[in-house]
Amino acid sequence: MPDKLSEQLERILNNRRERHTLRKLKINNLVDFSSNDYLGLAHSKELNQTIQSHSLNGLGSTGSRLLSGHSQESVELEQFLAKFHKAPDALLFNSGFDANYGVFSCLPQPGDAIFYDELIHASVHAGMRASQSKIIKPFIHNNIDSLLVLINNYKNIHSGNIFIAVESLYSMDGCWSNLKEIVELVEKFENAFLIIDEVIPNSY
């Protein structure tokens, strides 16, 4: 006999069928305009040939870098990225989601504040929820005055660090951030730090 859980899940599936919202996976040969592979590298014959011509250090990392997955290739790639972006250093993550989650869950400490653009990506929200900061507030999209109010209200009471989260190009609506004004504002405060998600512009 079907158990209670199976019956419950079947009702949910039937409900989705009736509403035509039950997803199905299909293999097709269409032109891709919807994935994250902006540069078309996933199916690049040239890139594949280049990879095949090099002696790779195995077919996988075998584990986290802390335990067994650290490699010379990772170090060299981080050094290249740091030089390319004119940064003192670089750190690789498995994905953009992991990067945002890692940064926002680790950097803010108790007493610090996180102020984020209301259209910030879901990965930042996931990281903020896991952070030790209890002061997490949105400001109106691309609104400097709204951000300034949050900063001033915080500084009147607290003395911790302030982390400000924005995207340079917002993926949901295609809107550019007014970074010049935001940077000028952040530079006025000694303990304010701007974190910019640039996954979209860096993909082109």
N, C-alpha and C. Protein backbone atom coordinates (compact mmCIF):
# COMPACT_ATOMS: atom_id res chain seq x y z
N MET A 1 0.84 -1.21 0.00
CA MET A 1 0.00 0.00 0.00
C MET A 1 0.88 1.25 0.00
N PRO A 2 0.41 2.28 -0.70
CA PRO A 2 1.18 3.53 -0.71
C PRO A 2 1.24 4.14 0.68
N ASP A 3 2.41 4.63 1.05
CA ASP A 3 2.52 5.27 2.35
C ASP A 3 2.03 6.71 2.26
N LYS A 4 1.89 7.33 3.40
CA LYS A 4 1.33 8.68 3.48
C LYS A 4 2.18 9.69 2.71
N LEU A 5 3.51 9.56 2.80
CA LEU A 5 4.39 10.49 2.10
C LEU A 5 4.23 10.37 0.59
N SER A 6 4.17 9.13 0.09
CA SER A 6 4.01 8.92 -1.35
C SER A 6 2.70 9.53 -1.85
N GLU A 7 1.63 9.34 -1.08
CA GLU A 7 0.34 9.91 -1.47
C GLU A 7 0.39 11.44 -1.47
N GLN A 8 1.06 11.99 -0.48
CA GLN A 8 1.18 13.44 -0.40
C GLN A 8 1.94 13.99 -1.61
N LEU A 9 3.06 13.36 -1.94
CA LEU A 9 3.86 13.82 -3.07
C LEU A 9 3.12 13.64 -4.38
N GLU A 10 2.36 12.56 -4.50
CA GLU A 10 1.60 12.32 -5.72
C GLU A 10 0.52 13.39 -5.91
N ARG A 11 -0.10 13.81 -4.82
CA ARG A 11 -1.10 14.89 -4.90
C ARG A 11 -0.45 16.18 -5.39
N ILE A 12 0.76 16.45 -4.88
CA ILE A 12 1.47 17.66 -5.31
C ILE A 12 1.80 17.58 -6.80
N LEU A 13 2.26 16.43 -7.25
CA LEU A 13 2.59 16.26 -8.67
C LEU A 13 1.35 16.38 -9.54
N ASN A 14 0.25 15.78 -9.12
CA ASN A 14 -1.00 15.89 -9.88
C ASN A 14 -1.48 17.33 -9.96
N ASN A 15 -1.32 18.05 -8.86
CA ASN A 15 -1.70 19.46 -8.86
C ASN A 15 -0.87 20.25 -9.87
N ARG A 16 0.39 19.93 -9.95
CA ARG A 16 1.25 20.63 -10.92
C ARG A 16 0.89 20.24 -12.35
N ARG A 17 0.54 18.99 -12.55
CA ARG A 17 0.11 18.56 -13.89
C ARG A 17 -1.13 19.33 -14.32
N GLU A 18 -2.07 19.49 -13.41
CA GLU A 18 -3.31 20.20 -13.73
C GLU A 18 -3.05 21.67 -14.04
N ARG A 19 -2.04 22.25 -13.37
CA ARG A 19 -1.71 23.67 -13.59
C ARG A 19 -0.65 23.85 -14.67
N HIS A 20 -0.25 22.74 -15.30
CA HIS A 20 0.76 22.76 -16.37
C HIS A 20 2.07 23.38 -15.89
N THR A 21 2.44 23.08 -14.64
CA THR A 21 3.70 23.59 -14.08
C THR A 21 4.67 22.47 -13.73
N LEU A 22 4.38 21.26 -14.16
CA LEU A 22 5.27 20.14 -13.90
C LEU A 22 6.41 20.17 -14.92
N ARG A 23 7.61 20.32 -14.44
CA ARG A 23 8.77 20.45 -15.32
C ARG A 23 9.19 19.09 -15.89
N LYS A 24 9.66 19.12 -17.13
CA LYS A 24 10.20 17.93 -17.78
C LYS A 24 11.53 18.30 -18.43
N LEU A 25 12.49 17.39 -18.32
CA LEU A 25 13.79 17.62 -18.93
C LEU A 25 13.81 17.06 -20.34
N LYS A 26 14.26 17.88 -21.28
CA LYS A 26 14.33 17.46 -22.68
C LYS A 26 15.72 17.73 -23.22
N ILE A 27 16.19 16.83 -24.06
CA ILE A 27 17.46 17.04 -24.75
C ILE A 27 17.14 17.58 -26.14
N ASN A 28 17.67 18.75 -26.46
CA ASN A 28 17.38 19.35 -27.75
C ASN A 28 18.65 19.91 -28.38
N ASN A 29 18.53 20.38 -29.58
CA ASN A 29 19.67 20.91 -30.33
C ASN A 29 19.40 22.35 -30.72
N LEU A 30 18.87 23.13 -29.79
CA LEU A 30 18.52 24.51 -30.07
C LEU A 30 19.70 25.44 -29.79
N VAL A 31 19.62 26.64 -30.32
CA VAL A 31 20.61 27.66 -30.02
C VAL A 31 20.35 28.17 -28.60
N ASP A 32 21.40 28.26 -27.80
CA ASP A 32 21.27 28.59 -26.38
C ASP A 32 21.37 30.09 -26.14
N PHE A 33 20.28 30.69 -25.66
CA PHE A 33 20.28 32.11 -25.28
C PHE A 33 19.92 32.29 -23.81
N SER A 34 19.93 31.22 -23.03
CA SER A 34 19.42 31.33 -21.66
C SER A 34 20.38 30.84 -20.58
N SER A 35 21.50 30.25 -20.94
CA SER A 35 22.38 29.68 -19.92
C SER A 35 23.37 30.72 -19.40
N ASN A 36 24.23 30.29 -18.49
CA ASN A 36 25.28 31.15 -17.96
C ASN A 36 26.56 31.08 -18.79
N ASP A 37 26.55 30.31 -19.86
CA ASP A 37 27.73 30.16 -20.70
C ASP A 37 27.80 31.29 -21.72
N TYR A 38 28.00 32.52 -21.21
CA TYR A 38 27.94 33.71 -22.06
C TYR A 38 28.97 33.68 -23.19
N LEU A 39 30.15 33.14 -22.91
CA LEU A 39 31.23 33.14 -23.90
C LEU A 39 31.23 31.89 -24.78
N GLY A 40 30.31 30.99 -24.54
CA GLY A 40 30.25 29.78 -25.35
C GLY A 40 31.42 28.84 -25.14
N LEU A 41 32.04 28.89 -23.97
CA LEU A 41 33.23 28.07 -23.72
C LEU A 41 32.89 26.60 -23.49
N ALA A 42 31.67 26.34 -23.03
CA ALA A 42 31.31 24.96 -22.69
C ALA A 42 31.37 24.04 -23.91
N HIS A 43 31.15 24.59 -25.11
CA HIS A 43 31.14 23.78 -26.33
C HIS A 43 32.19 24.26 -27.34
N SER A 44 33.21 24.92 -26.84
CA SER A 44 34.26 25.44 -27.72
C SER A 44 35.21 24.32 -28.14
N LYS A 45 35.30 24.07 -29.45
CA LYS A 45 36.21 23.03 -29.95
C LYS A 45 37.66 23.44 -29.72
N GLU A 46 37.94 24.73 -29.90
CA GLU A 46 39.31 25.21 -29.70
C GLU A 46 39.77 25.02 -28.25
N LEU A 47 38.89 25.37 -27.31
CA LEU A 47 39.24 25.21 -25.90
C LEU A 47 39.41 23.74 -25.55
N ASN A 48 38.54 22.91 -26.08
CA ASN A 48 38.63 21.47 -25.80
C ASN A 48 39.95 20.90 -26.32
N GLN A 49 40.35 21.33 -27.52
CA GLN A 49 41.61 20.85 -28.09
C GLN A 49 42.80 21.32 -27.25
N THR A 50 42.73 22.56 -26.76
CA THR A 50 43.80 23.08 -25.92
C THR A 50 43.93 22.29 -24.64
N ILE A 51 42.78 21.99 -24.03
CA ILE A 51 42.79 21.21 -22.79
C ILE A 51 43.36 19.82 -23.03
N GLN A 52 42.94 19.20 -24.14
CA GLN A 52 43.40 17.84 -24.43
C GLN A 52 44.90 17.79 -24.72
N SER A 53 45.46 18.90 -25.19
CA SER A 53 46.88 18.91 -25.55
C SER A 53 47.78 19.10 -24.34
N HIS A 54 47.21 19.43 -23.19
CA HIS A 54 48.00 19.63 -21.98
C HIS A 54 47.89 18.42 -21.06
N SER A 55 48.94 18.19 -20.34
CA SER A 55 48.94 17.11 -19.35
C SER A 55 48.26 17.61 -18.09
N LEU A 56 47.07 17.12 -17.84
CA LEU A 56 46.30 17.60 -16.71
C LEU A 56 46.67 16.86 -15.43
N ASN A 57 46.50 17.54 -14.34
CA ASN A 57 46.77 16.95 -13.03
C ASN A 57 45.53 16.19 -12.56
N GLY A 58 45.26 15.07 -13.21
CA GLY A 58 44.07 14.30 -12.87
C GLY A 58 42.83 14.87 -13.52
N LEU A 59 41.69 14.27 -13.21
CA LEU A 59 40.41 14.69 -13.77
C LEU A 59 39.53 15.40 -12.76
N GLY A 60 40.06 15.66 -11.58
CA GLY A 60 39.29 16.35 -10.56
C GLY A 60 40.19 16.74 -9.40
N SER A 61 39.63 17.52 -8.51
CA SER A 61 40.43 18.03 -7.40
C SER A 61 40.61 17.00 -6.28
N THR A 62 39.78 15.99 -6.24
CA THR A 62 39.76 14.90 -5.24
C THR A 62 39.25 15.34 -3.88
N GLY A 63 39.04 16.62 -3.68
CA GLY A 63 38.54 17.09 -2.39
C GLY A 63 38.71 18.59 -2.27
N SER A 64 38.40 19.12 -1.11
CA SER A 64 38.56 20.55 -0.89
C SER A 64 40.03 20.91 -0.90
N ARG A 65 40.33 22.17 -1.17
CA ARG A 65 41.73 22.60 -1.24
C ARG A 65 42.41 22.49 0.13
N LEU A 66 41.63 22.63 1.18
CA LEU A 66 42.19 22.55 2.52
C LEU A 66 42.71 21.14 2.82
N LEU A 67 42.07 20.14 2.23
CA LEU A 67 42.44 18.75 2.53
C LEU A 67 43.35 18.16 1.46
N SER A 68 42.79 17.91 0.27
CA SER A 68 43.60 17.21 -0.75
C SER A 68 43.50 17.83 -2.14
N GLY A 69 42.70 18.87 -2.30
CA GLY A 69 42.44 19.38 -3.64
C GLY A 69 43.27 20.56 -4.08
N HIS A 70 44.23 20.99 -3.27
CA HIS A 70 45.07 22.13 -3.65
C HIS A 70 46.02 21.73 -4.78
N SER A 71 46.20 22.61 -5.77
CA SER A 71 47.04 22.27 -6.91
C SER A 71 47.80 23.49 -7.41
N GLN A 72 48.87 23.23 -8.15
CA GLN A 72 49.65 24.31 -8.75
C GLN A 72 48.82 25.07 -9.77
N GLU A 73 47.94 24.35 -10.48
CA GLU A 73 47.09 25.00 -11.47
C GLU A 73 46.17 26.03 -10.82
N SER A 74 45.65 25.71 -9.65
CA SER A 74 44.78 26.66 -8.94
C SER A 74 45.56 27.90 -8.54
N VAL A 75 46.77 27.69 -8.05
CA VAL A 75 47.61 28.82 -7.64
C VAL A 75 47.92 29.72 -8.83
N GLU A 76 48.29 29.11 -9.95
CA GLU A 76 48.65 29.89 -11.13
C GLU A 76 47.45 30.65 -11.68
N LEU A 77 46.27 30.03 -11.64
CA LEU A 77 45.07 30.72 -12.11
C LEU A 77 44.74 31.90 -11.22
N GLU A 78 44.85 31.73 -9.92
CA GLU A 78 44.60 32.84 -9.00
C GLU A 78 45.60 33.98 -9.21
N GLN A 79 46.84 33.64 -9.46
CA GLN A 79 47.85 34.66 -9.72
C GLN A 79 47.54 35.40 -11.02
N PHE A 80 47.11 34.67 -12.04
CA PHE A 80 46.74 35.30 -13.31
C PHE A 80 45.55 36.24 -13.13
N LEU A 81 44.53 35.79 -12.40
CA LEU A 81 43.34 36.61 -12.19
C LEU A 81 43.67 37.86 -11.39
N ALA A 82 44.52 37.72 -10.39
CA ALA A 82 44.91 38.89 -9.59
C ALA A 82 45.63 39.91 -10.46
N LYS A 83 46.53 39.43 -11.30
CA LYS A 83 47.27 40.34 -12.19
C LYS A 83 46.33 40.98 -13.21
N PHE A 84 45.41 40.19 -13.76
CA PHE A 84 44.47 40.70 -14.76
C PHE A 84 43.60 41.81 -14.19
N HIS A 85 43.16 41.63 -12.95
CA HIS A 85 42.27 42.61 -12.31
C HIS A 85 43.03 43.65 -11.49
N LYS A 86 44.37 43.61 -11.59
CA LYS A 86 45.22 44.56 -10.85
C LYS A 86 44.89 44.54 -9.35
N ALA A 87 44.75 43.33 -8.83
CA ALA A 87 44.43 43.13 -7.41
C ALA A 87 45.62 42.49 -6.70
N PRO A 88 45.74 42.69 -5.39
CA PRO A 88 46.86 42.08 -4.66
C PRO A 88 46.78 40.57 -4.61
N ASP A 89 45.58 40.01 -4.71
CA ASP A 89 45.43 38.56 -4.62
C ASP A 89 44.08 38.16 -5.18
N ALA A 90 43.87 36.87 -5.36
CA ALA A 90 42.59 36.34 -5.84
C ALA A 90 42.33 35.01 -5.16
N LEU A 91 41.05 34.66 -5.06
CA LEU A 91 40.66 33.40 -4.44
C LEU A 91 39.56 32.76 -5.27
N LEU A 92 39.78 31.52 -5.69
CA LEU A 92 38.82 30.81 -6.51
C LEU A 92 37.71 30.18 -5.67
N PHE A 93 36.49 30.23 -6.20
CA PHE A 93 35.36 29.52 -5.63
C PHE A 93 34.76 28.63 -6.71
N ASN A 94 33.95 27.67 -6.31
CA ASN A 94 33.34 26.76 -7.28
C ASN A 94 32.37 27.47 -8.21
N SER A 95 31.73 28.51 -7.71
CA SER A 95 30.73 29.23 -8.51
C SER A 95 30.55 30.63 -7.94
N GLY A 96 29.85 31.47 -8.70
CA GLY A 96 29.54 32.80 -8.20
C GLY A 96 28.67 32.74 -6.96
N PHE A 97 27.75 31.80 -6.92
CA PHE A 97 26.89 31.63 -5.74
C PHE A 97 27.75 31.31 -4.52
N ASP A 98 28.69 30.38 -4.68
CA ASP A 98 29.56 30.01 -3.57
C ASP A 98 30.42 31.18 -3.12
N ALA A 99 30.86 31.99 -4.08
CA ALA A 99 31.69 33.15 -3.74
C ALA A 99 30.92 34.13 -2.87
N ASN A 100 29.71 34.48 -3.30
CA ASN A 100 28.90 35.42 -2.51
C ASN A 100 28.54 34.83 -1.16
N TYR A 101 28.19 33.56 -1.15
CA TYR A 101 27.84 32.92 0.13
C TYR A 101 29.04 32.93 1.07
N GLY A 102 30.21 32.57 0.54
CA GLY A 102 31.41 32.51 1.37
C GLY A 102 31.81 33.86 1.93
N VAL A 103 31.78 34.88 1.08
CA VAL A 103 32.19 36.23 1.51
C VAL A 103 31.24 36.78 2.56
N PHE A 104 29.94 36.72 2.29
CA PHE A 104 28.99 37.36 3.20
C PHE A 104 28.71 36.54 4.45
N SER A 105 28.98 35.26 4.42
CA SER A 105 28.80 34.46 5.63
C SER A 105 30.01 34.53 6.55
N CYS A 106 31.16 34.93 6.01
CA CYS A 106 32.41 34.91 6.81
C CYS A 106 32.91 36.29 7.23
N LEU A 107 32.85 37.28 6.35
CA LEU A 107 33.46 38.58 6.66
C LEU A 107 32.74 39.35 7.77
N PRO A 108 31.44 39.59 7.66
CA PRO A 108 30.77 40.38 8.71
C PRO A 108 30.77 39.65 10.06
N GLN A 109 31.16 40.37 11.10
CA GLN A 109 31.24 39.81 12.44
C GLN A 109 30.14 40.42 13.32
N PRO A 110 29.93 39.88 14.52
CA PRO A 110 28.92 40.46 15.42
C PRO A 110 29.17 41.96 15.63
N GLY A 111 28.13 42.74 15.49
CA GLY A 111 28.24 44.19 15.63
C GLY A 111 28.44 44.91 14.32
N ASP A 112 28.82 44.18 13.27
CA ASP A 112 28.95 44.78 11.95
C ASP A 112 27.58 44.90 11.29
N ALA A 113 27.51 45.69 10.23
CA ALA A 113 26.25 45.88 9.51
C ALA A 113 26.44 45.54 8.04
N ILE A 114 25.38 45.03 7.43
CA ILE A 114 25.35 44.79 5.99
C ILE A 114 24.19 45.57 5.41
N PHE A 115 24.48 46.47 4.49
CA PHE A 115 23.46 47.21 3.77
C PHE A 115 23.53 46.79 2.30
N TYR A 116 22.41 46.37 1.75
CA TYR A 116 22.43 45.81 0.40
C TYR A 116 21.37 46.45 -0.49
N ASP A 117 21.70 46.57 -1.76
CA ASP A 117 20.73 47.04 -2.74
C ASP A 117 19.56 46.05 -2.77
N GLU A 118 18.35 46.57 -2.83
CA GLU A 118 17.17 45.72 -2.74
C GLU A 118 17.05 44.72 -3.90
N LEU A 119 17.82 44.92 -4.97
CA LEU A 119 17.77 43.98 -6.10
C LEU A 119 18.98 43.05 -6.13
N ILE A 120 19.69 42.95 -5.02
CA ILE A 120 20.89 42.11 -4.97
C ILE A 120 20.53 40.65 -5.21
N HIS A 121 21.48 39.88 -5.72
CA HIS A 121 21.25 38.48 -6.09
C HIS A 121 20.94 37.60 -4.87
N ALA A 122 20.21 36.53 -5.12
CA ALA A 122 19.80 35.61 -4.05
C ALA A 122 20.99 34.99 -3.32
N SER A 123 22.11 34.83 -4.00
CA SER A 123 23.29 34.25 -3.36
C SER A 123 23.81 35.13 -2.23
N VAL A 124 23.68 36.45 -2.39
CA VAL A 124 24.08 37.37 -1.32
C VAL A 124 23.13 37.22 -0.13
N HIS A 125 21.85 37.09 -0.41
CA HIS A 125 20.87 36.88 0.67
C HIS A 125 21.21 35.62 1.46
N ALA A 126 21.58 34.55 0.75
CA ALA A 126 21.93 33.30 1.43
C ALA A 126 23.14 33.50 2.33
N GLY A 127 24.13 34.22 1.84
CA GLY A 127 25.31 34.48 2.65
C GLY A 127 25.02 35.36 3.85
N MET A 128 24.18 36.38 3.65
CA MET A 128 23.84 37.29 4.75
C MET A 128 23.09 36.55 5.85
N ARG A 129 22.20 35.64 5.47
CA ARG A 129 21.45 34.88 6.48
C ARG A 129 22.38 34.01 7.33
N ALA A 130 23.49 33.58 6.74
CA ALA A 130 24.43 32.72 7.47
C ALA A 130 25.50 33.51 8.21
N SER A 131 25.51 34.82 8.05
CA SER A 131 26.56 35.64 8.67
C SER A 131 26.29 35.84 10.16
N GLN A 132 27.31 36.36 10.86
CA GLN A 132 27.17 36.65 12.28
C GLN A 132 26.58 38.03 12.52
N SER A 133 26.42 38.80 11.46
CA SER A 133 25.84 40.13 11.60
C SER A 133 24.34 40.04 11.83
N LYS A 134 23.84 40.83 12.75
CA LYS A 134 22.40 40.89 13.02
C LYS A 134 21.78 42.17 12.46
N ILE A 135 22.62 43.02 11.88
CA ILE A 135 22.14 44.28 11.31
C ILE A 135 22.23 44.16 9.80
N ILE A 136 21.15 43.75 9.17
CA ILE A 136 21.12 43.51 7.73
C ILE A 136 19.90 44.24 7.16
N LYS A 137 20.15 45.27 6.36
CA LYS A 137 19.05 46.09 5.87
C LYS A 137 19.24 46.45 4.40
N PRO A 138 18.12 46.51 3.65
CA PRO A 138 18.21 46.91 2.24
C PRO A 138 18.10 48.42 2.07
N PHE A 139 18.66 48.93 0.99
CA PHE A 139 18.40 50.31 0.61
C PHE A 139 17.74 50.32 -0.77
N ILE A 140 17.04 51.39 -1.07
CA ILE A 140 16.31 51.50 -2.33
C ILE A 140 17.28 51.35 -3.50
N HIS A 141 16.86 50.62 -4.51
CA HIS A 141 17.72 50.31 -5.65
C HIS A 141 18.38 51.54 -6.24
N ASN A 142 19.72 51.52 -6.25
CA ASN A 142 20.53 52.58 -6.86
C ASN A 142 20.29 53.95 -6.24
N ASN A 143 19.83 53.97 -5.00
CA ASN A 143 19.49 55.25 -4.35
C ASN A 143 20.53 55.59 -3.29
N ILE A 144 21.37 56.57 -3.60
CA ILE A 144 22.45 56.97 -2.70
C ILE A 144 21.90 57.54 -1.39
N ASP A 145 20.85 58.33 -1.48
CA ASP A 145 20.26 58.93 -0.28
C ASP A 145 19.76 57.86 0.68
N SER A 146 19.13 56.83 0.14
CA SER A 146 18.63 55.74 0.97
C SER A 146 19.78 55.02 1.67
N LEU A 147 20.87 54.80 0.96
CA LEU A 147 22.05 54.16 1.56
C LEU A 147 22.66 55.05 2.63
N LEU A 148 22.74 56.33 2.36
CA LEU A 148 23.34 57.27 3.32
C LEU A 148 22.56 57.30 4.63
N VAL A 149 21.24 57.23 4.55
CA VAL A 149 20.41 57.22 5.76
C VAL A 149 20.76 56.00 6.61
N LEU A 150 20.90 54.84 5.98
CA LEU A 150 21.25 53.62 6.72
C LEU A 150 22.61 53.76 7.39
N ILE A 151 23.57 54.29 6.66
CA ILE A 151 24.92 54.44 7.21
C ILE A 151 24.93 55.39 8.40
N ASN A 152 24.28 56.54 8.25
CA ASN A 152 24.27 57.53 9.33
C ASN A 152 23.54 57.01 10.56
N ASN A 153 22.42 56.34 10.35
CA ASN A 153 21.67 55.79 11.49
C ASN A 153 22.50 54.75 12.24
N TYR A 154 23.24 53.95 11.49
CA TYR A 154 24.08 52.93 12.12
C TYR A 154 25.22 53.57 12.89
N LYS A 155 25.90 54.53 12.28
CA LYS A 155 27.07 55.14 12.91
C LYS A 155 26.71 55.96 14.13
N ASN A 156 25.47 56.40 14.24
CA ASN A 156 25.05 57.14 15.43
C ASN A 156 24.98 56.25 16.67
N ILE A 157 24.90 54.94 16.45
CA ILE A 157 24.73 54.00 17.56
C ILE A 157 25.88 53.01 17.67
N HIS A 158 26.42 52.58 16.53
CA HIS A 158 27.41 51.50 16.51
C HIS A 158 28.76 52.00 15.97
N SER A 159 29.77 51.17 16.17
CA SER A 159 31.11 51.52 15.69
C SER A 159 31.75 50.39 14.89
N GLY A 160 30.96 49.39 14.52
CA GLY A 160 31.49 48.26 13.77
C GLY A 160 31.71 48.58 12.31
N ASN A 161 32.09 47.56 11.57
CA ASN A 161 32.30 47.71 10.13
C ASN A 161 30.98 47.71 9.38
N ILE A 162 30.98 48.36 8.23
CA ILE A 162 29.79 48.41 7.38
C ILE A 162 30.14 47.78 6.04
N PHE A 163 29.40 46.75 5.66
CA PHE A 163 29.59 46.10 4.36
C PHE A 163 28.41 46.47 3.46
N ILE A 164 28.73 46.97 2.28
CA ILE A 164 27.70 47.42 1.35
C ILE A 164 27.74 46.53 0.11
N ALA A 165 26.61 45.91 -0.21
CA ALA A 165 26.54 44.93 -1.29
C ALA A 165 25.77 45.48 -2.48
N VAL A 166 26.43 45.49 -3.64
CA VAL A 166 25.78 45.93 -4.87
C VAL A 166 26.24 45.02 -6.01
N GLU A 167 25.55 45.12 -7.13
CA GLU A 167 26.00 44.49 -8.37
C GLU A 167 26.38 45.60 -9.33
N SER A 168 27.40 45.39 -10.14
CA SER A 168 27.74 46.41 -11.12
C SER A 168 26.70 46.44 -12.24
N LEU A 169 26.21 45.27 -12.63
CA LEU A 169 25.12 45.15 -13.59
C LEU A 169 24.11 44.16 -13.03
N TYR A 170 22.91 44.64 -12.76
CA TYR A 170 21.91 43.80 -12.11
C TYR A 170 21.29 42.82 -13.11
N SER A 171 21.40 41.55 -12.78
CA SER A 171 21.03 40.50 -13.72
C SER A 171 19.53 40.42 -13.97
N MET A 172 18.73 40.84 -13.00
CA MET A 172 17.29 40.68 -13.12
C MET A 172 16.64 41.73 -14.03
N ASP A 173 17.19 42.96 -14.04
CA ASP A 173 16.56 44.00 -14.86
C ASP A 173 17.52 44.67 -15.83
N GLY A 174 18.79 44.26 -15.85
CA GLY A 174 19.75 44.82 -16.80
C GLY A 174 20.17 46.23 -16.49
N CYS A 175 20.00 46.65 -15.25
CA CYS A 175 20.30 48.04 -14.85
C CYS A 175 21.72 48.14 -14.33
N TRP A 176 22.45 49.16 -14.78
CA TRP A 176 23.80 49.41 -14.28
C TRP A 176 23.73 50.13 -12.94
N SER A 177 24.65 49.77 -12.06
CA SER A 177 24.76 50.45 -10.77
C SER A 177 25.47 51.78 -10.96
N ASN A 178 25.08 52.77 -10.15
CA ASN A 178 25.78 54.06 -10.18
C ASN A 178 27.01 53.97 -9.27
N LEU A 179 27.97 53.18 -9.70
CA LEU A 179 29.13 52.85 -8.88
C LEU A 179 29.96 54.08 -8.49
N LYS A 180 30.09 55.03 -9.39
CA LYS A 180 30.92 56.20 -9.09
C LYS A 180 30.41 56.91 -7.84
N GLU A 181 29.12 57.14 -7.77
CA GLU A 181 28.54 57.82 -6.62
C GLU A 181 28.64 56.96 -5.36
N ILE A 182 28.44 55.66 -5.52
CA ILE A 182 28.51 54.76 -4.36
C ILE A 182 29.93 54.71 -3.81
N VAL A 183 30.91 54.61 -4.69
CA VAL A 183 32.31 54.58 -4.25
C VAL A 183 32.68 55.88 -3.53
N GLU A 184 32.25 57.01 -4.09
CA GLU A 184 32.55 58.30 -3.46
C GLU A 184 31.94 58.38 -2.07
N LEU A 185 30.75 57.81 -1.91
CA LEU A 185 30.10 57.82 -0.60
C LEU A 185 30.84 56.91 0.38
N VAL A 186 31.16 55.71 -0.05
CA VAL A 186 31.82 54.74 0.83
C VAL A 186 33.18 55.26 1.29
N GLU A 187 33.90 55.95 0.42
CA GLU A 187 35.23 56.45 0.76
C GLU A 187 35.21 57.52 1.85
N LYS A 188 34.04 58.05 2.14
CA LYS A 188 33.93 59.06 3.21
C LYS A 188 33.93 58.42 4.60
N PHE A 189 33.75 57.10 4.65
CA PHE A 189 33.66 56.42 5.95
C PHE A 189 34.80 55.42 6.09
N GLU A 190 35.54 55.55 7.17
CA GLU A 190 36.75 54.75 7.37
C GLU A 190 36.46 53.26 7.47
N ASN A 191 35.36 52.90 8.08
CA ASN A 191 35.08 51.49 8.32
C ASN A 191 33.97 50.94 7.42
N ALA A 192 33.81 51.54 6.24
CA ALA A 192 32.82 51.07 5.27
C ALA A 192 33.53 50.35 4.12
N PHE A 193 32.97 49.22 3.72
CA PHE A 193 33.60 48.40 2.68
C PHE A 193 32.56 48.04 1.62
N LEU A 194 32.90 48.29 0.36
CA LEU A 194 31.99 48.02 -0.75
C LEU A 194 32.34 46.68 -1.40
N ILE A 195 31.35 45.81 -1.51
CA ILE A 195 31.52 44.52 -2.17
C ILE A 195 30.66 44.52 -3.43
N ILE A 196 31.31 44.36 -4.58
CA ILE A 196 30.62 44.46 -5.87
C ILE A 196 30.58 43.09 -6.55
N ASP A 197 29.39 42.64 -6.87
CA ASP A 197 29.21 41.41 -7.64
C ASP A 197 29.31 41.79 -9.12
N GLU A 198 30.36 41.28 -9.79
CA GLU A 198 30.57 41.62 -11.20
C GLU A 198 30.49 40.40 -12.10
N VAL A 199 29.68 39.45 -11.71
CA VAL A 199 29.61 38.21 -12.48
C VAL A 199 29.11 38.44 -13.91
N ILE A 200 28.18 39.37 -14.10
CA ILE A 200 27.64 39.59 -15.44
C ILE A 200 28.65 40.30 -16.34
N PRO A 201 29.18 41.48 -15.96
CA PRO A 201 30.16 42.15 -16.84
C PRO A 201 31.40 41.31 -17.10
N ASN A 202 31.86 40.56 -16.11
CA ASN A 202 33.07 39.76 -16.30
C ASN A 202 32.85 38.55 -17.18
N SER A 203 31.60 38.30 -17.54
CA SER A 203 31.30 37.15 -18.38
C SER A 203 31.32 37.49 -19.85
N TYR A 204 31.44 38.78 -20.17
CA TYR A 204 31.40 39.19 -21.57
C TYR A 204 32.79 39.50 -22.09
